[in-house]
Amino acid sequence: MSLKYPSGEEIKKGDRVTYHGEKGEIELVANPELEDLSGSERWYVQEHGGGVLIREPKVFGLVFVRQPNEDEDLVFVSRAAANEASEPTD
């Protein structure tokens, strides 16, 4: 099972989002149901039970959301292009 936005879309690394109205990007997806996790993903699953890390450089910096499907302030905007650099838009 994948982590999802409140609107039902699957959360993927690089997604463009807004969080509390500020533009950001999904930096990390720590899905506790996956076995093939990177070191950072594994740490977030062990410490917090999973969730997503959002990068929003203007106000929050990095924010970890443990239950993204229940956080109405997390809004999916678009998927990042496959060859696009990982930088939030202004």
PDB file of N, CA and C in Angstrom:
ATOM      1  N   MET A   1       0.848  -1.187   0.000  1.00  0.00           N
ATOM      2  CA  MET A   1       0.000   0.000   0.000  1.00  0.00           C
ATOM      3  C   MET A   1       0.890   1.245   0.000  1.00  0.00           C
ATOM      4  N   SER A   2       0.521   2.230  -0.767  1.00  0.00           N
ATOM      5  CA  SER A   2       1.323   3.447  -0.869  1.00  0.00           C
ATOM      6  C   SER A   2       0.765   4.540   0.044  1.00  0.00           C
ATOM      7  N   LEU A   3       1.616   5.523   0.325  1.00  0.00           N
ATOM      8  CA  LEU A   3       1.155   6.698   1.067  1.00  0.00           C
ATOM      9  C   LEU A   3       0.409   7.596   0.099  1.00  0.00           C
ATOM     10  N   LYS A   4      -0.661   8.213   0.573  1.00  0.00           N
ATOM     11  CA  LYS A   4      -1.516   9.011  -0.307  1.00  0.00           C
ATOM     12  C   LYS A   4      -1.781  10.392   0.269  1.00  0.00           C
ATOM     13  N   TYR A   5      -2.093  11.315  -0.642  1.00  0.00           N
ATOM     14  CA  TYR A   5      -2.540  12.649  -0.249  1.00  0.00           C
ATOM     15  C   TYR A   5      -3.982  12.545   0.235  1.00  0.00           C
ATOM     16  N   PRO A   6      -4.480  13.560   0.954  1.00  0.00           N
ATOM     17  CA  PRO A   6      -5.891  13.544   1.357  1.00  0.00           C
ATOM     18  C   PRO A   6      -6.846  13.399   0.166  1.00  0.00           C
ATOM     19  N   SER A   7      -6.418  13.869  -1.016  1.00  0.00           N
ATOM     20  CA  SER A   7      -7.254  13.787  -2.220  1.00  0.00           C
ATOM     21  C   SER A   7      -7.224  12.405  -2.862  1.00  0.00           C
ATOM     22  N   GLY A   8      -6.319  11.508  -2.397  1.00  0.00           N
ATOM     23  CA  GLY A   8      -6.298  10.135  -2.876  1.00  0.00           C
ATOM     24  C   GLY A   8      -5.166   9.769  -3.813  1.00  0.00           C
ATOM     25  N   GLU A   9      -4.419  10.748  -4.370  1.00  0.00           N
ATOM     26  CA  GLU A   9      -3.299  10.435  -5.251  1.00  0.00           C
ATOM     27  C   GLU A   9      -2.152   9.819  -4.453  1.00  0.00           C
ATOM     28  N   GLU A  10      -1.415   8.929  -5.086  1.00  0.00           N
ATOM     29  CA  GLU A  10      -0.235   8.345  -4.455  1.00  0.00           C
ATOM     30  C   GLU A  10       0.857   9.401  -4.322  1.00  0.00           C
ATOM     31  N   ILE A  11       1.552   9.420  -3.198  1.00  0.00           N
ATOM     32  CA  ILE A  11       2.640  10.373  -2.973  1.00  0.00           C
ATOM     33  C   ILE A  11       3.924   9.792  -3.542  1.00  0.00           C
ATOM     34  N   LYS A  12       4.626  10.606  -4.349  1.00  0.00           N
ATOM     35  CA  LYS A  12       5.895  10.185  -4.935  1.00  0.00           C
ATOM     36  C   LYS A  12       6.954  11.251  -4.690  1.00  0.00           C
ATOM     37  N   LYS A  13       8.197  10.795  -4.531  1.00  0.00           N
ATOM     38  CA  LYS A  13       9.315  11.715  -4.362  1.00  0.00           C
ATOM     39  C   LYS A  13       9.377  12.655  -5.563  1.00  0.00           C
ATOM     40  N   GLY A  14       9.585  13.949  -5.288  1.00  0.00           N
ATOM     41  CA  GLY A  14       9.660  14.948  -6.343  1.00  0.00           C
ATOM     42  C   GLY A  14       8.341  15.631  -6.653  1.00  0.00           C
ATOM     43  N   ASP A  15       7.236  15.133  -6.092  1.00  0.00           N
ATOM     44  CA  ASP A  15       5.930  15.764  -6.337  1.00  0.00           C
ATOM     45  C   ASP A  15       5.963  17.221  -5.906  1.00  0.00           C
ATOM     46  N   ARG A  16       5.298  18.062  -6.675  1.00  0.00           N
ATOM     47  CA  ARG A  16       5.094  19.463  -6.307  1.00  0.00           C
ATOM     48  C   ARG A  16       3.842  19.508  -5.442  1.00  0.00           C
ATOM     49  N   VAL A  17       3.937  20.214  -4.324  1.00  0.00           N
ATOM     50  CA  VAL A  17       2.829  20.289  -3.374  1.00  0.00           C
ATOM     51  C   VAL A  17       2.722  21.707  -2.833  1.00  0.00           C
ATOM     52  N   THR A  18       1.644  21.959  -2.102  1.00  0.00           N
ATOM     53  CA  THR A  18       1.600  23.111  -1.211  1.00  0.00           C
ATOM     54  C   THR A  18       1.373  22.548   0.185  1.00  0.00           C
ATOM     55  N   TYR A  19       1.998  23.209   1.167  1.00  0.00           N
ATOM     56  CA  TYR A  19       1.810  22.820   2.557  1.00  0.00           C
ATOM     57  C   TYR A  19       1.542  24.090   3.341  1.00  0.00           C
ATOM     58  N   HIS A  20       0.381  24.163   3.937  1.00  0.00           N
ATOM     59  CA  HIS A  20      -0.086  25.385   4.599  1.00  0.00           C
ATOM     60  C   HIS A  20      -0.004  26.568   3.637  1.00  0.00           C
ATOM     61  N   GLY A  21      -0.319  26.314   2.361  1.00  0.00           N
ATOM     62  CA  GLY A  21      -0.346  27.360   1.344  1.00  0.00           C
ATOM     63  C   GLY A  21       0.992  27.721   0.744  1.00  0.00           C
ATOM     64  N   GLU A  22       2.086  27.107   1.202  1.00  0.00           N
ATOM     65  CA  GLU A  22       3.426  27.406   0.691  1.00  0.00           C
ATOM     66  C   GLU A  22       3.865  26.313  -0.297  1.00  0.00           C
ATOM     67  N   LYS A  23       4.485  26.726  -1.412  1.00  0.00           N
ATOM     68  CA  LYS A  23       4.943  25.782  -2.426  1.00  0.00           C
ATOM     69  C   LYS A  23       6.117  24.969  -1.923  1.00  0.00           C
ATOM     70  N   GLY A  24       6.095  23.675  -2.212  1.00  0.00           N
ATOM     71  CA  GLY A  24       7.167  22.801  -1.790  1.00  0.00           C
ATOM     72  C   GLY A  24       7.276  21.582  -2.672  1.00  0.00           C
ATOM     73  N   GLU A  25       8.083  20.638  -2.213  1.00  0.00           N
ATOM     74  CA  GLU A  25       8.346  19.416  -2.966  1.00  0.00           C
ATOM     75  C   GLU A  25       8.533  18.257  -1.990  1.00  0.00           C
ATOM     76  N   ILE A  26       8.065  17.084  -2.389  1.00  0.00           N
ATOM     77  CA  ILE A  26       8.264  15.893  -1.570  1.00  0.00           C
ATOM     78  C   ILE A  26       9.729  15.475  -1.695  1.00  0.00           C
ATOM     79  N   GLU A  27      10.435  15.518  -0.594  1.00  0.00           N
ATOM     80  CA  GLU A  27      11.865  15.201  -0.547  1.00  0.00           C
ATOM     81  C   GLU A  27      12.096  13.711  -0.308  1.00  0.00           C
ATOM     82  N   LEU A  28      11.215  13.088   0.487  1.00  0.00           N
ATOM     83  CA  LEU A  28      11.420  11.693   0.870  1.00  0.00           C
ATOM     84  C   LEU A  28      10.068  11.067   1.197  1.00  0.00           C
ATOM     85  N   VAL A  29       9.887   9.832   0.760  1.00  0.00           N
ATOM     86  CA  VAL A  29       8.686   9.064   1.091  1.00  0.00           C
ATOM     87  C   VAL A  29       9.143   7.845   1.883  1.00  0.00           C
ATOM     88  N   ALA A  30       8.752   7.761   3.142  1.00  0.00           N
ATOM     89  CA  ALA A  30       9.132   6.652   4.015  1.00  0.00           C
ATOM     90  C   ALA A  30       7.905   5.779   4.254  1.00  0.00           C
ATOM     91  N   ASN A  31       7.726   4.798   3.369  1.00  0.00           N
ATOM     92  CA  ASN A  31       6.562   3.917   3.429  1.00  0.00           C
ATOM     93  C   ASN A  31       6.917   2.690   4.268  1.00  0.00           C
ATOM     94  N   PRO A  32       6.261   2.509   5.414  1.00  0.00           N
ATOM     95  CA  PRO A  32       6.592   1.386   6.296  1.00  0.00           C
ATOM     96  C   PRO A  32       6.264   0.020   5.703  1.00  0.00           C
ATOM     97  N   GLU A  33       5.517  -0.036   4.633  1.00  0.00           N
ATOM     98  CA  GLU A  33       5.140  -1.320   4.045  1.00  0.00           C
ATOM     99  C   GLU A  33       6.131  -1.812   2.995  1.00  0.00           C
ATOM    100  N   LEU A  34       7.134  -0.981   2.662  1.00  0.00           N
ATOM    101  CA  LEU A  34       8.132  -1.389   1.683  1.00  0.00           C
ATOM    102  C   LEU A  34       9.354  -1.962   2.383  1.00  0.00           C
ATOM    103  N   GLU A  35       9.987  -2.942   1.758  1.00  0.00           N
ATOM    104  CA  GLU A  35      11.180  -3.553   2.342  1.00  0.00           C
ATOM    105  C   GLU A  35      12.456  -2.922   1.823  1.00  0.00           C
ATOM    106  N   ASP A  36      12.465  -2.425   0.599  1.00  0.00           N
ATOM    107  CA  ASP A  36      13.662  -1.873  -0.033  1.00  0.00           C
ATOM    108  C   ASP A  36      13.734  -0.365   0.234  1.00  0.00           C
ATOM    109  N   LEU A  37      14.162   0.014   1.448  1.00  0.00           N
ATOM    110  CA  LEU A  37      14.218   1.419   1.843  1.00  0.00           C
ATOM    111  C   LEU A  37      15.664   1.896   1.912  1.00  0.00           C
ATOM    112  N   SER A  38      15.869   3.172   1.577  1.00  0.00           N
ATOM    113  CA  SER A  38      17.199   3.767   1.740  1.00  0.00           C
ATOM    114  C   SER A  38      17.445   3.979   3.234  1.00  0.00           C
ATOM    115  N   GLY A  39      18.657   4.377   3.593  1.00  0.00           N
ATOM    116  CA  GLY A  39      18.984   4.613   4.995  1.00  0.00           C
ATOM    117  C   GLY A  39      18.093   5.649   5.643  1.00  0.00           C
ATOM    118  N   SER A  40      17.859   6.772   4.955  1.00  0.00           N
ATOM    119  CA  SER A  40      17.000   7.831   5.504  1.00  0.00           C
ATOM    120  C   SER A  40      15.559   7.359   5.645  1.00  0.00           C
ATOM    121  N   GLU A  41      15.063   6.687   4.609  1.00  0.00           N
ATOM    122  CA  GLU A  41      13.687   6.189   4.651  1.00  0.00           C
ATOM    123  C   GLU A  41      13.523   5.205   5.814  1.00  0.00           C
ATOM    124  N   ARG A  42      14.488   4.305   5.952  1.00  0.00           N
ATOM    125  CA  ARG A  42      14.438   3.307   7.028  1.00  0.00           C
ATOM    126  C   ARG A  42      14.423   3.991   8.390  1.00  0.00           C
ATOM    127  N   TRP A  43      15.244   5.036   8.580  1.00  0.00           N
ATOM    128  CA  TRP A  43      15.305   5.750   9.848  1.00  0.00           C
ATOM    129  C   TRP A  43      13.953   6.381  10.175  1.00  0.00           C
ATOM    130  N   TYR A  44      13.329   7.046   9.198  1.00  0.00           N
ATOM    131  CA  TYR A  44      12.026   7.675   9.445  1.00  0.00           C
ATOM    132  C   TYR A  44      10.959   6.631   9.765  1.00  0.00           C
ATOM    133  N   VAL A  45      11.026   5.471   9.150  1.00  0.00           N
ATOM    134  CA  VAL A  45      10.071   4.405   9.472  1.00  0.00           C
ATOM    135  C   VAL A  45      10.316   3.900  10.893  1.00  0.00           C
ATOM    136  N   GLN A  46      11.583   3.672  11.259  1.00  0.00           N
ATOM    137  CA  GLN A  46      11.896   3.171  12.599  1.00  0.00           C
ATOM    138  C   GLN A  46      11.537   4.180  13.684  1.00  0.00           C
ATOM    139  N   GLU A  47      11.831   5.446  13.456  1.00  0.00           N
ATOM    140  CA  GLU A  47      11.618   6.479  14.464  1.00  0.00           C
ATOM    141  C   GLU A  47      10.182   7.000  14.530  1.00  0.00           C
ATOM    142  N   HIS A  48       9.515   7.082  13.377  1.00  0.00           N
ATOM    143  CA  HIS A  48       8.201   7.736  13.318  1.00  0.00           C
ATOM    144  C   HIS A  48       7.094   6.875  12.731  1.00  0.00           C
ATOM    145  N   GLY A  49       7.416   5.689  12.257  1.00  0.00           N
ATOM    146  CA  GLY A  49       6.397   4.836  11.672  1.00  0.00           C
ATOM    147  C   GLY A  49       6.092   5.149  10.229  1.00  0.00           C
ATOM    148  N   GLY A  50       6.896   5.999   9.604  1.00  0.00           N
ATOM    149  CA  GLY A  50       6.705   6.358   8.198  1.00  0.00           C
ATOM    150  C   GLY A  50       6.084   7.730   8.043  1.00  0.00           C
ATOM    151  N   GLY A  51       6.032   8.176   6.789  1.00  0.00           N
ATOM    152  CA  GLY A  51       5.481   9.485   6.459  1.00  0.00           C
ATOM    153  C   GLY A  51       6.238  10.105   5.302  1.00  0.00           C
ATOM    154  N   VAL A  52       6.117  11.426   5.143  1.00  0.00           N
ATOM    155  CA  VAL A  52       6.790  12.115   4.046  1.00  0.00           C
ATOM    156  C   VAL A  52       7.537  13.338   4.562  1.00  0.00           C
ATOM    157  N   LEU A  53       8.641  13.646   3.908  1.00  0.00           N
ATOM    158  CA  LEU A  53       9.430  14.820   4.216  1.00  0.00           C
ATOM    159  C   LEU A  53       9.204  15.826   3.096  1.00  0.00           C
ATOM    160  N   ILE A  54       8.776  17.022   3.478  1.00  0.00           N
ATOM    161  CA  ILE A  54       8.464  18.071   2.513  1.00  0.00           C
ATOM    162  C   ILE A  54       9.527  19.155   2.604  1.00  0.00           C
ATOM    163  N   ARG A  55      10.062  19.544   1.440  1.00  0.00           N
ATOM    164  CA  ARG A  55      11.024  20.653   1.396  1.00  0.00           C
ATOM    165  C   ARG A  55      10.294  21.896   0.918  1.00  0.00           C
ATOM    166  N   GLU A  56      10.300  22.917   1.767  1.00  0.00           N
ATOM    167  CA  GLU A  56       9.677  24.204   1.454  1.00  0.00           C
ATOM    168  C   GLU A  56      10.635  25.268   1.990  1.00  0.00           C
ATOM    169  N   PRO A  57      11.501  25.818   1.138  1.00  0.00           N
ATOM    170  CA  PRO A  57      12.615  26.638   1.622  1.00  0.00           C
ATOM    171  C   PRO A  57      12.273  28.022   2.173  1.00  0.00           C
ATOM    172  N   LYS A  58      11.130  28.577   1.849  1.00  0.00           N
ATOM    173  CA  LYS A  58      10.847  29.951   2.261  1.00  0.00           C
ATOM    174  C   LYS A  58      10.415  30.090   3.716  1.00  0.00           C
ATOM    175  N   VAL A  59       9.611  29.164   4.230  1.00  0.00           N
ATOM    176  CA  VAL A  59       9.044  29.307   5.569  1.00  0.00           C
ATOM    177  C   VAL A  59       9.464  28.167   6.501  1.00  0.00           C
ATOM    178  N   PHE A  60       9.257  26.933   6.089  1.00  0.00           N
ATOM    179  CA  PHE A  60       9.441  25.782   6.976  1.00  0.00           C
ATOM    180  C   PHE A  60      10.810  25.120   6.873  1.00  0.00           C
ATOM    181  N   GLY A  61      11.438  25.170   5.725  1.00  0.00           N
ATOM    182  CA  GLY A  61      12.641  24.377   5.494  1.00  0.00           C
ATOM    183  C   GLY A  61      12.216  22.957   5.180  1.00  0.00           C
ATOM    184  N   LEU A  62      12.435  22.041   6.106  1.00  0.00           N
ATOM    185  CA  LEU A  62      11.989  20.655   5.960  1.00  0.00           C
ATOM    186  C   LEU A  62      10.933  20.353   7.019  1.00  0.00           C
ATOM    187  N   VAL A  63       9.862  19.694   6.597  1.00  0.00           N
ATOM    188  CA  VAL A  63       8.769  19.323   7.503  1.00  0.00           C
ATOM    189  C   VAL A  63       8.462  17.850   7.287  1.00  0.00           C
ATOM    190  N   PHE A  64       8.412  17.075   8.370  1.00  0.00           N
ATOM    191  CA  PHE A  64       8.029  15.667   8.273  1.00  0.00           C
ATOM    192  C   PHE A  64       6.574  15.524   8.681  1.00  0.00           C
ATOM    193  N   VAL A  65       5.793  14.874   7.825  1.00  0.00           N
ATOM    194  CA  VAL A  65       4.366  14.655   8.082  1.00  0.00           C
ATOM    195  C   VAL A  65       4.154  13.152   8.241  1.00  0.00           C
ATOM    196  N   ARG A  66       3.724  12.754   9.432  1.00  0.00           N
ATOM    197  CA  ARG A  66       3.576  11.321   9.743  1.00  0.00           C
ATOM    198  C   ARG A  66       2.358  10.677   9.099  1.00  0.00           C
ATOM    199  N   GLN A  67       1.266  11.388   8.997  1.00  0.00           N
ATOM    200  CA  GLN A  67       0.051  10.823   8.407  1.00  0.00           C
ATOM    201  C   GLN A  67      -0.437  11.755   7.299  1.00  0.00           C
ATOM    202  N   PRO A  68       0.229  11.718   6.149  1.00  0.00           N
ATOM    203  CA  PRO A  68      -0.100  12.670   5.091  1.00  0.00           C
ATOM    204  C   PRO A  68      -1.527  12.547   4.573  1.00  0.00           C
ATOM    205  N   ASN A  69      -2.094  11.366   4.598  1.00  0.00           N
ATOM    206  CA  ASN A  69      -3.456  11.187   4.097  1.00  0.00           C
ATOM    207  C   ASN A  69      -4.493  11.906   4.950  1.00  0.00           C
ATOM    208  N   GLU A  70      -4.109  12.283   6.192  1.00  0.00           N
ATOM    209  CA  GLU A  70      -5.041  12.965   7.094  1.00  0.00           C
ATOM    210  C   GLU A  70      -4.728  14.451   7.250  1.00  0.00           C
ATOM    211  N   ASP A  71      -3.695  14.944   6.575  1.00  0.00           N
ATOM    212  CA  ASP A  71      -3.272  16.332   6.728  1.00  0.00           C
ATOM    213  C   ASP A  71      -3.857  17.185   5.605  1.00  0.00           C
ATOM    214  N   GLU A  72      -4.948  17.867   5.892  1.00  0.00           N
ATOM    215  CA  GLU A  72      -5.647  18.646   4.865  1.00  0.00           C
ATOM    216  C   GLU A  72      -4.829  19.839   4.360  1.00  0.00           C
ATOM    217  N   ASP A  73      -3.744  20.192   5.052  1.00  0.00           N
ATOM    218  CA  ASP A  73      -2.886  21.283   4.598  1.00  0.00           C
ATOM    219  C   ASP A  73      -1.873  20.837   3.553  1.00  0.00           C
ATOM    220  N   LEU A  74      -1.766  19.530   3.302  1.00  0.00           N
ATOM    221  CA  LEU A  74      -0.891  18.985   2.274  1.00  0.00           C
ATOM    222  C   LEU A  74      -1.709  18.790   1.009  1.00  0.00           C
ATOM    223  N   VAL A  75      -1.365  19.558  -0.026  1.00  0.00           N
ATOM    224  CA  VAL A  75      -2.140  19.531  -1.273  1.00  0.00           C
ATOM    225  C   VAL A  75      -1.228  19.161  -2.440  1.00  0.00           C
ATOM    226  N   PHE A  76      -1.608  18.121  -3.170  1.00  0.00           N
ATOM    227  CA  PHE A  76      -0.890  17.704  -4.375  1.00  0.00           C
ATOM    228  C   PHE A  76      -1.107  18.737  -5.471  1.00  0.00           C
ATOM    229  N   VAL A  77      -0.009  19.147  -6.145  1.00  0.00           N
ATOM    230  CA  VAL A  77      -0.098  20.100  -7.259  1.00  0.00           C
ATOM    231  C   VAL A  77       0.216  19.396  -8.573  1.00  0.00           C
ATOM    232  N   SER A  78       1.413  18.751  -8.665  1.00  0.00           N
ATOM    233  CA  SER A  78       1.787  18.070  -9.908  1.00  0.00           C
ATOM    234  C   SER A  78       2.959  17.140  -9.665  1.00  0.00           C
ATOM    235  N   ARG A  79       3.188  16.269 -10.621  1.00  0.00           N
ATOM    236  CA  ARG A  79       4.355  15.399 -10.601  1.00  0.00           C
ATOM    237  C   ARG A  79       5.530  16.146 -11.218  1.00  0.00           C
ATOM    238  N   ALA A  80       6.726  15.857 -10.733  1.00  0.00           N
ATOM    239  CA  ALA A  80       7.935  16.421 -11.321  1.00  0.00           C
ATOM    240  C   ALA A  80       8.207  15.701 -12.634  1.00  0.00           C
ATOM    241  N   ALA A  81       8.767  16.417 -13.606  1.00  0.00           N
ATOM    242  CA  ALA A  81       9.166  15.791 -14.861  1.00  0.00           C
ATOM    243  C   ALA A  81      10.290  14.808 -14.572  1.00  0.00           C
ATOM    244  N   ALA A  82      10.371  13.719 -15.317  1.00  0.00           N
ATOM    245  CA  ALA A  82      11.348  12.669 -15.061  1.00  0.00           C
ATOM    246  C   ALA A  82      12.781  13.174 -15.119  1.00  0.00           C
ATOM    247  N   ASN A  83      13.084  14.133 -15.981  1.00  0.00           N
ATOM    248  CA  ASN A  83      14.463  14.606 -16.124  1.00  0.00           C
ATOM    249  C   ASN A  83      14.678  15.978 -15.475  1.00  0.00           C
ATOM    250  N   GLU A  84      13.724  16.432 -14.715  1.00  0.00           N
ATOM    251  CA  GLU A  84      13.785  17.755 -14.095  1.00  0.00           C
ATOM    252  C   GLU A  84      14.630  17.739 -12.830  1.00  0.00           C
ATOM    253  N   ALA A  85      15.375  18.799 -12.609  1.00  0.00           N
ATOM    254  CA  ALA A  85      16.164  18.928 -11.380  1.00  0.00           C
ATOM    255  C   ALA A  85      15.224  19.041 -10.200  1.00  0.00           C
ATOM    256  N   SER A  86      15.660  18.615  -9.030  1.00  0.00           N
ATOM    257  CA  SER A  86      14.825  18.605  -7.837  1.00  0.00           C
ATOM    258  C   SER A  86      14.900  19.943  -7.109  1.00  0.00           C
ATOM    259  N   GLU A  87      14.151  20.927  -7.587  1.00  0.00           N
ATOM    260  CA  GLU A  87      14.093  22.235  -6.947  1.00  0.00           C
ATOM    261  C   GLU A  87      12.649  22.724  -6.951  1.00  0.00           C
ATOM    262  N   PRO A  88      12.144  23.199  -5.806  1.00  0.00           N
ATOM    263  CA  PRO A  88      10.769  23.722  -5.768  1.00  0.00           C
ATOM    264  C   PRO A  88      10.635  24.959  -6.646  1.00  0.00           C
ATOM    265  N   THR A  89       9.469  25.147  -7.217  1.00  0.00           N
ATOM    266  CA  THR A  89       9.204  26.339  -8.018  1.00  0.00           C
ATOM    267  C   THR A  89       8.785  27.481  -7.130  1.00  0.00           C
ATOM    268  N   ASP A  90       9.012  28.702  -7.581  1.00  0.00           N
ATOM    269  CA  ASP A  90       8.610  29.893  -6.812  1.00  0.00           C
ATOM    270  C   ASP A  90       7.221  30.338  -7.181  1.00  0.00           C
TER     271      ASP A  90
END
